Structures are given as C-alpha cells and as structure tokens.
PDB file of N, CA and C in Angstrom:
ATOM      1  N   MET A   1      99.705 235.422  39.943  1.00  0.00           N
ATOM      2  CA  MET A   1     100.495 235.337  38.748  1.00  0.00           C
ATOM      3  C   MET A   1      99.434 234.883  37.555  1.00  0.00           C
ATOM      4  N   LYS A   2      98.159 234.626  37.408  1.00  0.00           N
ATOM      5  CA  LYS A   2      97.149 234.089  36.744  1.00  0.00           C
ATOM      6  C   LYS A   2      97.645 234.870  35.327  1.00  0.00           C
ATOM      7  N   ASN A   3      97.129 235.427  35.170  1.00  0.00           N
ATOM      8  CA  ASN A   3      96.901 236.831  34.020  1.00  0.00           C
ATOM      9  C   ASN A   3      98.003 237.836  33.750  1.00  0.00           C
ATOM     10  N   GLN A   4      99.003 237.718  33.359  1.00  0.00           N
ATOM     11  CA  GLN A   4      99.992 239.152  33.148  1.00  0.00           C
ATOM     12  C   GLN A   4      99.695 239.382  31.716  1.00  0.00           C
ATOM     13  N   ASN A   5     100.023 240.572  31.642  1.00  0.00           N
ATOM     14  CA  ASN A   5     100.032 241.446  30.466  1.00  0.00           C
ATOM     15  C   ASN A   5     101.178 241.890  30.329  1.00  0.00           C
ATOM     16  N   PRO A   6     101.950 241.807  29.238  1.00  0.00           N
ATOM     17  CA  PRO A   6     103.102 242.353  29.155  1.00  0.00           C
ATOM     18  C   PRO A   6     103.036 244.206  28.821  1.00  0.00           C
ATOM     19  N   ILE A   7     104.092 244.345  29.227  1.00  0.00           N
ATOM     20  CA  ILE A   7     104.287 245.831  29.122  1.00  0.00           C
ATOM     21  C   ILE A   7     105.005 246.503  28.184  1.00  0.00           C
ATOM     22  N   TYR A   8     104.628 247.294  27.615  1.00  0.00           N
ATOM     23  CA  TYR A   8     105.316 247.912  26.048  1.00  0.00           C
ATOM     24  C   TYR A   8     106.110 249.053  26.739  1.00  0.00           C
ATOM     25  N   ILE A   9     107.475 249.394  26.295  1.00  0.00           N
ATOM     26  CA  ILE A   9     107.860 250.688  26.670  1.00  0.00           C
ATOM     27  C   ILE A   9     108.316 251.358  24.723  1.00  0.00           C
ATOM     28  N   LYS A  10     107.802 252.658  24.962  1.00  0.00           N
ATOM     29  CA  LYS A  10     108.253 252.918  23.553  1.00  0.00           C
ATOM     30  C   LYS A  10     110.086 253.280  23.396  1.00  0.00           C
ATOM     31  N   LEU A  11     111.043 252.859  22.831  1.00  0.00           N
ATOM     32  CA  LEU A  11     112.017 253.286  22.365  1.00  0.00           C
ATOM     33  C   LEU A  11     112.104 254.508  21.231  1.00  0.00           C
ATOM     34  N   SER A  12     113.253 255.343  21.436  1.00  0.00           N
ATOM     35  CA  SER A  12     113.411 256.296  20.018  1.00  0.00           C
ATOM     36  C   SER A  12     114.514 255.537  19.297  1.00  0.00           C
ATOM     37  N   SER A  13     114.446 255.686  17.935  1.00  0.00           N
ATOM     38  CA  SER A  13     115.005 254.508  16.858  1.00  0.00           C
ATOM     39  C   SER A  13     116.611 255.091  17.483  1.00  0.00           C
ATOM     40  N   SER A  14     117.123 255.971  18.264  1.00  0.00           N
ATOM     41  CA  SER A  14     118.772 255.782  18.367  1.00  0.00           C
ATOM     42  C   SER A  14     118.705 254.759  19.753  1.00  0.00           C
ATOM     43  N   GLU A  15     117.575 254.765  20.259  1.00  0.00           N
ATOM     44  CA  GLU A  15     117.873 253.958  21.611  1.00  0.00           C
ATOM     45  C   GLU A  15     117.794 252.262  21.189  1.00  0.00           C
ATOM     46  N   ALA A  16     117.023 252.127  20.175  1.00  0.00           N
ATOM     47  CA  ALA A  16     116.710 250.957  19.992  1.00  0.00           C
ATOM     48  C   ALA A  16     117.810 250.603  19.346  1.00  0.00           C
ATOM     49  N   ILE A  17     118.809 251.460  18.342  1.00  0.00           N
ATOM     50  CA  ILE A  17     119.925 250.982  17.790  1.00  0.00           C
ATOM     51  C   ILE A  17     120.994 251.008  18.253  1.00  0.00           C
ATOM     52  N   THR A  18     121.294 251.617  19.714  1.00  0.00           N
ATOM     53  CA  THR A  18     121.760 251.300  20.223  1.00  0.00           C
ATOM     54  C   THR A  18     122.022 250.178  21.514  1.00  0.00           C
ATOM     55  N   LEU A  19     120.565 249.720  21.738  1.00  0.00           N
ATOM     56  CA  LEU A  19     120.564 248.312  22.187  1.00  0.00           C
ATOM     57  C   LEU A  19     120.730 247.288  21.669  1.00  0.00           C
ATOM     58  N   LYS A  20     120.407 247.646  20.436  1.00  0.00           N
ATOM     59  CA  LYS A  20     120.443 246.398  19.507  1.00  0.00           C
ATOM     60  C   LYS A  20     122.574 245.790  18.877  1.00  0.00           C
ATOM     61  N   ARG A  21     122.791 246.994  19.216  1.00  0.00           N
ATOM     62  CA  ARG A  21     124.374 247.137  19.169  1.00  0.00           C
ATOM     63  C   ARG A  21     125.161 246.549  20.144  1.00  0.00           C
ATOM     64  N   ASN A  22     124.349 247.021  21.375  1.00  0.00           N
ATOM     65  CA  ASN A  22     125.118 246.612  22.160  1.00  0.00           C
ATOM     66  C   ASN A  22     124.901 244.806  22.668  1.00  0.00           C
ATOM     67  N   MET A  23     123.584 244.774  22.132  1.00  0.00           N
ATOM     68  CA  MET A  23     123.420 242.968  22.098  1.00  0.00           C
ATOM     69  C   MET A  23     123.916 242.299  21.262  1.00  0.00           C
ATOM     70  N   LEU A  24     124.545 243.137  20.152  1.00  0.00           N
ATOM     71  CA  LEU A  24     125.163 242.192  18.909  1.00  0.00           C
ATOM     72  C   LEU A  24     126.660 242.004  19.347  1.00  0.00           C
ATOM     73  N   LEU A  25     126.922 242.571  20.184  1.00  0.00           N
ATOM     74  CA  LEU A  25     128.278 243.343  20.861  1.00  0.00           C
ATOM     75  C   LEU A  25     128.691 242.080  22.300  1.00  0.00           C
ATOM     76  N   THR A  26     127.655 241.901  22.552  1.00  0.00           N
ATOM     77  CA  THR A  26     127.583 241.045  23.912  1.00  0.00           C
ATOM     78  C   THR A  26     127.912 239.647  23.089  1.00  0.00           C
ATOM     79  N   GLN A  27     127.081 239.361  21.993  1.00  0.00           N
ATOM     80  CA  GLN A  27     126.701 238.164  21.433  1.00  0.00           C
ATOM     81  C   GLN A  27     128.138 237.627  21.047  1.00  0.00           C
ATOM     82  N   ILE A  28     129.036 238.876  20.157  1.00  0.00           N
ATOM     83  CA  ILE A  28     129.888 238.268  19.790  1.00  0.00           C
ATOM     84  C   ILE A  28     131.260 238.038  20.694  1.00  0.00           C
ATOM     85  N   ILE A  29     130.988 238.702  21.650  1.00  0.00           N
ATOM     86  CA  ILE A  29     132.183 238.543  23.165  1.00  0.00           C
ATOM     87  C   ILE A  29     131.889 237.380  23.751  1.00  0.00           C
ATOM     88  N   SER A  30     130.426 237.159  23.639  1.00  0.00           N
ATOM     89  CA  SER A  30     130.173 235.520  23.999  1.00  0.00           C
ATOM     90  C   SER A  30     130.961 234.369  23.333  1.00  0.00           C
ATOM     91  N   ILE A  31     130.269 234.707  21.921  1.00  0.00           N
ATOM     92  CA  ILE A  31     131.444 233.492  20.945  1.00  0.00           C
ATOM     93  C   ILE A  31     133.042 233.348  21.023  1.00  0.00           C
ATOM     94  N   ARG A  32     133.217 234.756  21.565  1.00  0.00           N
ATOM     95  CA  ARG A  32     134.728 234.689  21.527  1.00  0.00           C
ATOM     96  C   ARG A  32     135.279 234.084  22.554  1.00  0.00           C
ATOM     97  N   ILE A  33     134.762 234.546  23.771  1.00  0.00           N
ATOM     98  CA  ILE A  33     134.952 233.381  25.173  1.00  0.00           C
ATOM     99  C   ILE A  33     134.665 231.914  24.869  1.00  0.00           C
ATOM    100  N   ALA A  34     133.518 231.845  24.217  1.00  0.00           N
ATOM    101  CA  ALA A  34     133.255 230.137  23.861  1.00  0.00           C
ATOM    102  C   ALA A  34     134.440 229.254  22.883  1.00  0.00           C
ATOM    103  N   LYS A  35     134.848 230.359  22.453  1.00  0.00           N
ATOM    104  CA  LYS A  35     136.087 229.700  21.395  1.00  0.00           C
ATOM    105  C   LYS A  35     137.365 229.626  22.049  1.00  0.00           C
ATOM    106  N   THR A  36     137.412 230.638  22.964  1.00  0.00           N
ATOM    107  CA  THR A  36     138.823 230.866  23.457  1.00  0.00           C
ATOM    108  C   THR A  36     138.810 229.748  24.636  1.00  0.00           C
ATOM    109  N   ILE A  37     137.780 229.402  25.277  1.00  0.00           N
ATOM    110  CA  ILE A  37     137.463 228.340  26.125  1.00  0.00           C
ATOM    111  C   ILE A  37     137.694 226.974  25.621  1.00  0.00           C
ATOM    112  N   LYS A  38     137.203 226.885  24.533  1.00  0.00           N
ATOM    113  CA  LYS A  38     137.414 225.261  23.685  1.00  0.00           C
ATOM    114  C   LYS A  38     138.792 225.292  23.164  1.00  0.00           C
ATOM    115  N   ASN A  39     139.206 226.710  22.425  1.00  0.00           N
ATOM    116  CA  ASN A  39     140.786 226.310  22.122  1.00  0.00           C
ATOM    117  C   ASN A  39     141.631 226.175  23.698  1.00  0.00           C
ATOM    118  N   PHE A  40     141.698 226.280  24.782  1.00  0.00           N
ATOM    119  CA  PHE A  40     142.062 226.305  26.274  1.00  0.00           C
ATOM    120  C   PHE A  40     142.227 225.123  26.347  1.00  0.00           C
ATOM    121  N   ASN A  41     141.123 224.205  26.075  1.00  0.00           N
ATOM    122  CA  ASN A  41     140.487 223.163  26.845  1.00  0.00           C
ATOM    123  C   ASN A  41     141.139 222.296  25.943  1.00  0.00           C
ATOM    124  N   LYS A  42     141.612 222.358  24.251  1.00  0.00           N
ATOM    125  CA  LYS A  42     142.545 221.706  23.485  1.00  0.00           C
ATOM    126  C   LYS A  42     143.895 221.775  23.811  1.00  0.00           C
ATOM    127  N   LEU A  43     144.193 222.628  24.198  1.00  0.00           N
ATOM    128  CA  LEU A  43     145.491 223.028  24.047  1.00  0.00           C
ATOM    129  C   LEU A  43     146.341 222.376  25.668  1.00  0.00           C
ATOM    130  N   ARG A  44     145.010 222.506  26.546  1.00  0.00           N
ATOM    131  CA  ARG A  44     145.279 221.704  27.933  1.00  0.00           C
ATOM    132  C   ARG A  44     145.318 220.294  27.685  1.00  0.00           C
ATOM    133  N   GLN A  45     144.634 219.657  27.143  1.00  0.00           N
ATOM    134  CA  GLN A  45     144.671 218.425  26.727  1.00  0.00           C
ATOM    135  C   GLN A  45     145.737 217.805  25.923  1.00  0.00           C
ATOM    136  N   GLN A  46     146.454 218.777  24.998  1.00  0.00           N
ATOM    137  CA  GLN A  46     147.552 218.828  24.116  1.00  0.00           C
ATOM    138  C   GLN A  46     149.102 218.384  25.400  1.00  0.00           C
ATOM    139  N   GLU A  47     148.595 219.496  26.339  1.00  0.00           N
ATOM    140  CA  GLU A  47     149.630 219.474  27.094  1.00  0.00           C
ATOM    141  C   GLU A  47     150.155 218.797  28.116  1.00  0.00           C
ATOM    142  N   LEU A  48     148.855 218.253  28.552  1.00  0.00           N
ATOM    143  CA  LEU A  48     149.039 216.736  29.769  1.00  0.00           C
ATOM    144  C   LEU A  48     149.141 215.735  28.689  1.00  0.00           C
ATOM    145  N   THR A  49     148.887 215.375  27.458  1.00  0.00           N
ATOM    146  CA  THR A  49     149.585 214.596  27.067  1.00  0.00           C
ATOM    147  C   THR A  49     151.256 214.649  26.661  1.00  0.00           C
ATOM    148  N   LEU A  50     151.555 215.527  26.331  1.00  0.00           N
ATOM    149  CA  LEU A  50     153.208 215.976  26.494  1.00  0.00           C
ATOM    150  C   LEU A  50     153.502 215.803  27.512  1.00  0.00           C
ATOM    151  N   LYS A  51     153.154 216.156  28.423  1.00  0.00           N
ATOM    152  CA  LYS A  51     153.712 215.886  29.895  1.00  0.00           C
ATOM    153  C   LYS A  51     153.902 214.552  29.944  1.00  0.00           C
ATOM    154  N   GLU A  52     152.813 213.670  30.040  1.00  0.00           N
ATOM    155  CA  GLU A  52     152.786 212.081  30.453  1.00  0.00           C
ATOM    156  C   GLU A  52     154.062 211.588  29.098  1.00  0.00           C
ATOM    157  N   SER A  53     153.786 212.114  28.492  1.00  0.00           N
ATOM    158  CA  SER A  53     155.240 211.691  27.073  1.00  0.00           C
ATOM    159  C   SER A  53     156.437 211.869  27.714  1.00  0.00           C
ATOM    160  N   LEU A  54     156.846 213.141  28.056  1.00  0.00           N
ATOM    161  CA  LEU A  54     157.523 213.679  28.701  1.00  0.00           C
ATOM    162  C   LEU A  54     158.351 213.094  30.210  1.00  0.00           C
ATOM    163  N   GLN A  55     157.543 212.818  31.066  1.00  0.00           N
ATOM    164  CA  GLN A  55     157.367 211.976  32.396  1.00  0.00           C
ATOM    165  C   GLN A  55     158.011 210.558  31.591  1.00  0.00           C
ATOM    166  N   LYS A  56     157.564 210.131  30.967  1.00  0.00           N
ATOM    167  CA  LYS A  56     157.777 208.664  30.497  1.00  0.00           C
ATOM    168  C   LYS A  56     159.257 208.537  29.916  1.00  0.00           C
ATOM    169  N   THR A  57     159.600 209.512  28.980  1.00  0.00           N
ATOM    170  CA  THR A  57     160.590 209.458  28.263  1.00  0.00           C
ATOM    171  C   THR A  57     161.949 209.890  29.652  1.00  0.00           C
ATOM    172  N   LEU A  58     162.054 210.449  30.389  1.00  0.00           N
ATOM    173  CA  LEU A  58     162.240 211.312  31.758  1.00  0.00           C
ATOM    174  C   LEU A  58     162.807 209.948  32.582  1.00  0.00           C
ATOM    175  N   LYS A  59     161.950 209.068  32.601  1.00  0.00           N
ATOM    176  CA  LYS A  59     161.692 207.762  33.589  1.00  0.00           C
ATOM    177  C   LYS A  59     162.623 206.808  32.630  1.00  0.00           C
ATOM    178  N   GLU A  60     162.462 206.557  31.942  1.00  0.00           N
ATOM    179  CA  GLU A  60     163.268 205.292  30.520  1.00  0.00           C
ATOM    180  C   GLU A  60     164.674 206.022  30.616  1.00  0.00           C
ATOM    181  N   SER A  61     165.036 207.050  30.818  1.00  0.00           N
ATOM    182  CA  SER A  61     166.161 208.076  30.412  1.00  0.00           C
ATOM    183  C   SER A  61     166.759 207.343  31.699  1.00  0.00           C
ATOM    184  N   LYS A  62     166.080 207.927  32.964  1.00  0.00           N
ATOM    185  CA  LYS A  62     166.920 207.481  34.466  1.00  0.00           C
ATOM    186  C   LYS A  62     167.077 205.921  34.300  1.00  0.00           C
ATOM    187  N   GLN A  63     166.338 205.383  34.152  1.00  0.00           N
ATOM    188  CA  GLN A  63     166.900 203.618  33.752  1.00  0.00           C
ATOM    189  C   GLN A  63     168.012 203.734  33.325  1.00  0.00           C
ATOM    190  N   ASN A  64     167.971 204.005  31.764  1.00  0.00           N
ATOM    191  CA  ASN A  64     169.010 203.845  31.147  1.00  0.00           C
ATOM    192  C   ASN A  64     170.342 204.462  31.878  1.00  0.00           C
ATOM    193  N   ILE A  65     170.590 205.750  32.244  1.00  0.00           N
ATOM    194  CA  ILE A  65     171.706 206.250  33.043  1.00  0.00           C
ATOM    195  C   ILE A  65     172.117 205.777  33.858  1.00  0.00           C
ATOM    196  N   LYS A  66     171.315 204.617  34.817  1.00  0.00           N
ATOM    197  CA  LYS A  66     171.363 203.727  36.053  1.00  0.00           C
ATOM    198  C   LYS A  66     172.290 202.508  35.492  1.00  0.00           C
ATOM    199  N   LYS A  67     171.713 201.823  34.268  1.00  0.00           N
ATOM    200  CA  LYS A  67     172.183 201.034  33.717  1.00  0.00           C
ATOM    201  C   LYS A  67     173.510 201.141  33.494  1.00  0.00           C
ATOM    202  N   ILE A  68     173.671 202.511  32.743  1.00  0.00           N
ATOM    203  CA  ILE A  68     175.150 202.070  31.983  1.00  0.00           C
ATOM    204  C   ILE A  68     175.917 202.750  33.221  1.00  0.00           C
ATOM    205  N   GLU A  69     175.578 203.503  34.683  1.00  0.00           N
ATOM    206  CA  GLU A  69     176.306 203.688  35.539  1.00  0.00           C
ATOM    207  C   GLU A  69     176.928 202.225  36.307  1.00  0.00           C
ATOM    208  N   HIS A  70     176.145 201.506  36.115  1.00  0.00           N
ATOM    209  CA  HIS A  70     176.392 200.070  36.827  1.00  0.00           C
ATOM    210  C   HIS A  70     177.408 199.147  36.196  1.00  0.00           C
ATOM    211  N   LEU A  71     177.164 199.385  34.537  1.00  0.00           N
ATOM    212  CA  LEU A  71     178.667 198.991  33.710  1.00  0.00           C
ATOM    213  C   LEU A  71     179.537 199.180  33.697  1.00  0.00           C
ATOM    214  N   LEU A  72     179.650 200.592  33.700  1.00  0.00           N
ATOM    215  CA  LEU A  72     180.996 201.487  33.462  1.00  0.00           C
ATOM    216  C   LEU A  72     181.711 201.354  35.176  1.00  0.00           C
ATOM    217  N   PRO A  73     182.985 201.167  35.027  1.00  0.00           N
ATOM    218  CA  PRO A  73     184.165 200.870  35.983  1.00  0.00           C
ATOM    219  C   PRO A  73     183.672 202.772  36.892  1.00  0.00           C
ATOM    220  N   LYS A  74     184.034 202.536  38.223  1.00  0.00           N
ATOM    221  CA  LYS A  74     183.825 203.954  38.822  1.00  0.00           C
ATOM    222  C   LYS A  74     185.522 204.553  38.786  1.00  0.00           C
ATOM    223  N   VAL A  75     185.353 205.477  38.468  1.00  0.00           N
ATOM    224  CA  VAL A  75     186.573 206.426  38.494  1.00  0.00           C
ATOM    225  C   VAL A  75     186.670 207.015  39.419  1.00  0.00           C
ATOM    226  N   THR A  76     188.375 207.237  39.954  1.00  0.00           N
ATOM    227  CA  THR A  76     188.866 208.288  40.966  1.00  0.00           C
ATOM    228  C   THR A  76     189.513 209.462  40.239  1.00  0.00           C
ATOM    229  N   LEU A  77     189.304 210.784  40.022  1.00  0.00           N
ATOM    230  CA  LEU A  77     190.350 211.681  39.581  1.00  0.00           C
ATOM    231  C   LEU A  77     191.277 211.968  40.633  1.00  0.00           C
ATOM    232  N   PRO A  78     192.231 212.490  40.239  1.00  0.00           N
ATOM    233  CA  PRO A  78     193.591 212.974  41.355  1.00  0.00           C
ATOM    234  C   PRO A  78     192.692 214.466  41.895  1.00  0.00           C
ATOM    235  N   LYS A  79     192.978 214.934  43.260  1.00  0.00           N
ATOM    236  CA  LYS A  79     192.633 216.163  43.590  1.00  0.00           C
ATOM    237  C   LYS A  79     193.135 217.619  42.903  1.00  0.00           C
ATOM    238  N   SER A  80     194.295 217.543  42.357  1.00  0.00           N
ATOM    239  CA  SER A  80     194.459 218.407  41.196  1.00  0.00           C
ATOM    240  C   SER A  80     193.414 218.764  40.118  1.00  0.00           C
ATOM    241  N   LEU A  81     192.822 217.622  39.746  1.00  0.00           N
ATOM    242  CA  LEU A  81     191.834 218.165  38.505  1.00  0.00           C
ATOM    243  C   LEU A  81     190.379 218.341  38.926  1.00  0.00           C
ATOM    244  N   LYS A  82     190.288 217.798  40.255  1.00  0.00           N
ATOM    245  CA  LYS A  82     189.040 218.182  41.012  1.00  0.00           C
ATOM    246  C   LYS A  82     188.972 219.809  41.381  1.00  0.00           C
ATOM    247  N   LYS A  83     189.902 220.217  41.715  1.00  0.00           N
ATOM    248  CA  LYS A  83     190.044 221.501  41.987  1.00  0.00           C
ATOM    249  C   LYS A  83     189.987 222.654  40.638  1.00  0.00           C
ATOM    250  N   ASP A  84     190.652 221.911  39.932  1.00  0.00           N
ATOM    251  CA  ASP A  84     190.427 222.948  38.914  1.00  0.00           C
ATOM    252  C   ASP A  84     188.955 222.862  38.042  1.00  0.00           C
ATOM    253  N   ASP A  85     188.449 221.879  38.126  1.00  0.00           N
ATOM    254  CA  ASP A  85     187.152 221.814  37.816  1.00  0.00           C
ATOM    255  C   ASP A  85     186.114 222.740  38.505  1.00  0.00           C
ATOM    256  N   ASP A  86     186.454 222.830  39.667  1.00  0.00           N
ATOM    257  CA  ASP A  86     185.416 223.557  40.460  1.00  0.00           C
ATOM    258  C   ASP A  86     185.577 225.207  40.428  1.00  0.00           C
ATOM    259  N   GLU A  87     186.960 225.489  40.174  1.00  0.00           N
ATOM    260  CA  GLU A  87     187.073 226.742  39.710  1.00  0.00           C
ATOM    261  C   GLU A  87     186.503 227.113  38.677  1.00  0.00           C
ATOM    262  N   ASP A  88     186.358 226.478  37.479  1.00  0.00           N
ATOM    263  CA  ASP A  88     185.950 226.469  36.101  1.00  0.00           C
ATOM    264  C   ASP A  88     184.185 226.880  36.187  1.00  0.00           C
ATOM    265  N   ASP A  89     183.777 226.245  37.147  1.00  0.00           N
ATOM    266  CA  ASP A  89     182.517 226.170  37.238  1.00  0.00           C
ATOM    267  C   ASP A  89     181.598 227.274  37.841  1.00  0.00           C
ATOM    268  N   LYS A  90     183.032 227.865  38.808  1.00  0.00           N
ATOM    269  CA  LYS A  90     182.573 228.944  39.813  1.00  0.00           C
ATOM    270  C   LYS A  90     182.543 230.181  38.636  1.00  0.00           C
ATOM    271  N   LYS A  91     183.378 230.120  37.852  1.00  0.00           N
ATOM    272  CA  LYS A  91     183.677 231.670  36.783  1.00  0.00           C
ATOM    273  C   LYS A  91     182.771 231.469  35.839  1.00  0.00           C
ATOM    274  N   GLU A  92     182.021 230.630  35.219  1.00  0.00           N
ATOM    275  CA  GLU A  92     180.988 230.630  34.531  1.00  0.00           C
ATOM    276  C   GLU A  92     179.361 230.626  34.922  1.00  0.00           C
ATOM    277  N   GLY A  93     179.320 231.322  35.576  1.00  0.00           N
ATOM    278  CA  GLY A  93     177.827 231.497  36.286  1.00  0.00           C
ATOM    279  C   GLY A  93     176.892 232.045  34.957  1.00  0.00           C
ATOM    280  N   ILE A  94     175.813 231.430  35.139  1.00  0.00           N
ATOM    281  CA  ILE A  94     174.486 231.883  34.226  1.00  0.00           C
ATOM    282  C   ILE A  94     174.025 232.867  34.583  1.00  0.00           C
ATOM    283  N   LYS A  95     173.942 233.683  33.800  1.00  0.00           N
ATOM    284  CA  LYS A  95     173.102 235.052  34.391  1.00  0.00           C
ATOM    285  C   LYS A  95     171.648 235.166  33.416  1.00  0.00           C
ATOM    286  N   GLU A  96     170.560 235.093  34.497  1.00  0.00           N
ATOM    287  CA  GLU A  96     169.373 235.018  33.819  1.00  0.00           C
ATOM    288  C   GLU A  96     168.868 236.651  33.823  1.00  0.00           C
ATOM    289  N   GLU A  97     168.123 237.101  32.544  1.00  0.00           N
ATOM    290  CA  GLU A  97     167.466 238.121  32.414  1.00  0.00           C
ATOM    291  C   GLU A  97     166.162 238.094  32.892  1.00  0.00           C
ATOM    292  N   PRO A  98     165.755 238.976  33.985  1.00  0.00           N
ATOM    293  CA  PRO A  98     164.280 238.995  34.220  1.00  0.00           C
ATOM    294  C   PRO A  98     163.361 239.532  33.161  1.00  0.00           C
ATOM    295  N   ILE A  99     161.568 238.822  32.660  1.00  0.00           N
ATOM    296  CA  ILE A  99     161.194 239.057  31.630  1.00  0.00           C
ATOM    297  C   ILE A  99     160.304 240.388  32.379  1.00  0.00           C
ATOM    298  N   ASN A 100     160.027 241.307  31.257  1.00  0.00           N
ATOM    299  CA  ASN A 100     158.977 242.500  32.174  1.00  0.00           C
ATOM    300  C   ASN A 100     157.786 242.341  31.445  1.00  0.00           C
ATOM    301  N   TYR A 101     157.204 241.707  32.354  1.00  0.00           N
ATOM    302  CA  TYR A 101     155.769 241.592  31.963  1.00  0.00           C
ATOM    303  C   TYR A 101     154.809 242.712  31.772  1.00  0.00           C
ATOM    304  N   GLU A 102     155.353 243.913  32.519  1.00  0.00           N
ATOM    305  CA  GLU A 102     154.385 245.026  32.717  1.00  0.00           C
ATOM    306  C   GLU A 102     154.468 245.727  31.256  1.00  0.00           C
ATOM    307  N   ILE A 103     155.387 245.479  30.113  1.00  0.00           N
ATOM    308  CA  ILE A 103     155.288 246.138  28.736  1.00  0.00           C
ATOM    309  C   ILE A 103     154.284 245.338  28.154  1.00  0.00           C
ATOM    310  N   ASN A 104     154.411 243.756  28.190  1.00  0.00           N
ATOM    311  CA  ASN A 104     153.351 243.145  27.490  1.00  0.00           C
ATOM    312  C   ASN A 104     151.661 243.763  27.961  1.00  0.00           C
ATOM    313  N   LEU A 105     151.694 243.991  28.906  1.00  0.00           N
ATOM    314  CA  LEU A 105     149.955 244.231  29.636  1.00  0.00           C
ATOM    315  C   LEU A 105     150.144 245.903  29.132  1.00  0.00           C
ATOM    316  N   ASP A 106     151.059 246.525  28.720  1.00  0.00           N
ATOM    317  CA  ASP A 106     150.680 248.104  28.733  1.00  0.00           C
ATOM    318  C   ASP A 106     150.315 247.785  26.963  1.00  0.00           C
ATOM    319  N   GLU A 107     150.983 246.906  26.236  1.00  0.00           N
ATOM    320  CA  GLU A 107     150.324 247.026  24.877  1.00  0.00           C
ATOM    321  C   GLU A 107     148.881 246.473  24.726  1.00  0.00           C
ATOM    322  N   GLN A 108     148.561 245.197  25.576  1.00  0.00           N
ATOM    323  CA  GLN A 108     147.513 244.731  25.334  1.00  0.00           C
ATOM    324  C   GLN A 108     146.515 245.746  25.788  1.00  0.00           C
ATOM    325  N   LEU A 109     146.878 246.679  26.756  1.00  0.00           N
ATOM    326  CA  LEU A 109     145.685 247.478  27.177  1.00  0.00           C
ATOM    327  C   LEU A 109     145.871 248.707  25.993  1.00  0.00           C
ATOM    328  N   LYS A 110     146.614 248.849  25.498  1.00  0.00           N
ATOM    329  CA  LYS A 110     147.067 250.093  24.279  1.00  0.00           C
ATOM    330  C   LYS A 110     145.889 249.122  22.992  1.00  0.00           C
ATOM    331  N   GLU A 111     145.914 247.981  22.516  1.00  0.00           N
ATOM    332  CA  GLU A 111     145.495 247.910  21.838  1.00  0.00           C
ATOM    333  C   GLU A 111     143.616 247.711  22.322  1.00  0.00           C
ATOM    334  N   ILE A 112     143.328 247.104  23.706  1.00  0.00           N
ATOM    335  CA  ILE A 112     142.213 247.210  23.609  1.00  0.00           C
ATOM    336  C   ILE A 112     141.677 249.042  23.434  1.00  0.00           C
ATOM    337  N   GLN A 113     142.223 249.934  24.003  1.00  0.00           N
ATOM    338  CA  GLN A 113     141.827 250.905  23.706  1.00  0.00           C
ATOM    339  C   GLN A 113     141.493 251.323  22.447  1.00  0.00           C
ATOM    340  N   ASN A 114     142.631 251.023  21.865  1.00  0.00           N
ATOM    341  CA  ASN A 114     142.166 251.314  19.924  1.00  0.00           C
ATOM    342  C   ASN A 114     140.894 250.406  19.937  1.00  0.00           C
ATOM    343  N   ARG A 115     140.704 249.372  19.691  1.00  0.00           N
ATOM    344  CA  ARG A 115     139.438 248.563  20.117  1.00  0.00           C
ATOM    345  C   ARG A 115     138.386 249.581  20.359  1.00  0.00           C
ATOM    346  N   LEU A 116     138.261 250.112  21.476  1.00  0.00           N
ATOM    347  CA  LEU A 116     137.633 250.860  21.938  1.00  0.00           C
ATOM    348  C   LEU A 116     137.162 252.043  20.964  1.00  0.00           C
ATOM    349  N   ASN A 117     138.129 252.674  20.686  1.00  0.00           N
ATOM    350  CA  ASN A 117     138.048 254.094  20.124  1.00  0.00           C
ATOM    351  C   ASN A 117     137.637 253.898  18.377  1.00  0.00           C
ATOM    352  N   SER A 118     137.930 252.628  18.102  1.00  0.00           N
ATOM    353  CA  SER A 118     137.260 252.384  16.498  1.00  0.00           C
ATOM    354  C   SER A 118     135.706 252.184  16.678  1.00  0.00           C
ATOM    355  N   LEU A 119     135.189 251.500  17.962  1.00  0.00           N
ATOM    356  CA  LEU A 119     133.704 251.057  17.781  1.00  0.00           C
ATOM    357  C   LEU A 119     133.296 252.745  18.068  1.00  0.00           C
ATOM    358  N   ASN A 120     133.674 253.631  18.202  1.00  0.00           N
ATOM    359  CA  ASN A 120     133.051 255.246  18.405  1.00  0.00           C
ATOM    360  C   ASN A 120     133.102 255.868  16.985  1.00  0.00           C
TER     361      ASN A 120
END
C-alpha cells in the first residue's frame, strides 16, 4: 500500500444526478434522525423530572393521609349500610375501550407511501 493510484469511474449525467440526490436524501434522513434523538432525550429528561416530582408529591400525600387517619376517630358502619355500598359498587363497573393501534399504523404507512410517491 505504498503508492496507490485512485481509480476513476465515468458516470453518465443521469447516474451522477441520481447518486447526488440519494446522498442528499440520506443526509436529510440523518439530520432528521439526529433531531428526533435530541428531542427524545429532552422529552425523556422532562419525563424523569416529572416522575420524580410526582413520586415526591405522592409520598407527601400518603404521609398526610396517614396523619389524618390517626387524628380522626374510627367509625364503624352498621351492617345494613355496608351491604348497600357493596351492591352499588358492583353495579357501577367501569368499561374500558381498547385502543386500536393498527389504524394508526395504517395511516402512517399511507403517509410514508404518499411521500415516496411525491419523490418520483
């Protein structure tokens, strides 16, 4: 590897334009990925800060509830009231609707396909 001569390849103008276009598209994608990663790191840091704050608030709330429980007298409910409360709780069940993630993915795929079609 003492003396290496560069090798040149002749490209047609259309090939050169295509290669240059692909390089530019690759650079754009790389920049977008870098921006996304930077934004993700920023949001992740905010999330961690908020989680710490929430954890601290919950801990303080739990301590305050315990203090209040110790200050308040113990109350015993009659059996007739206890049964009525249990029946009301059973009647008021919360129904959760499942989130359909497939629709969102399909929309994203259509959007990407539209972008690809606009390049051509």
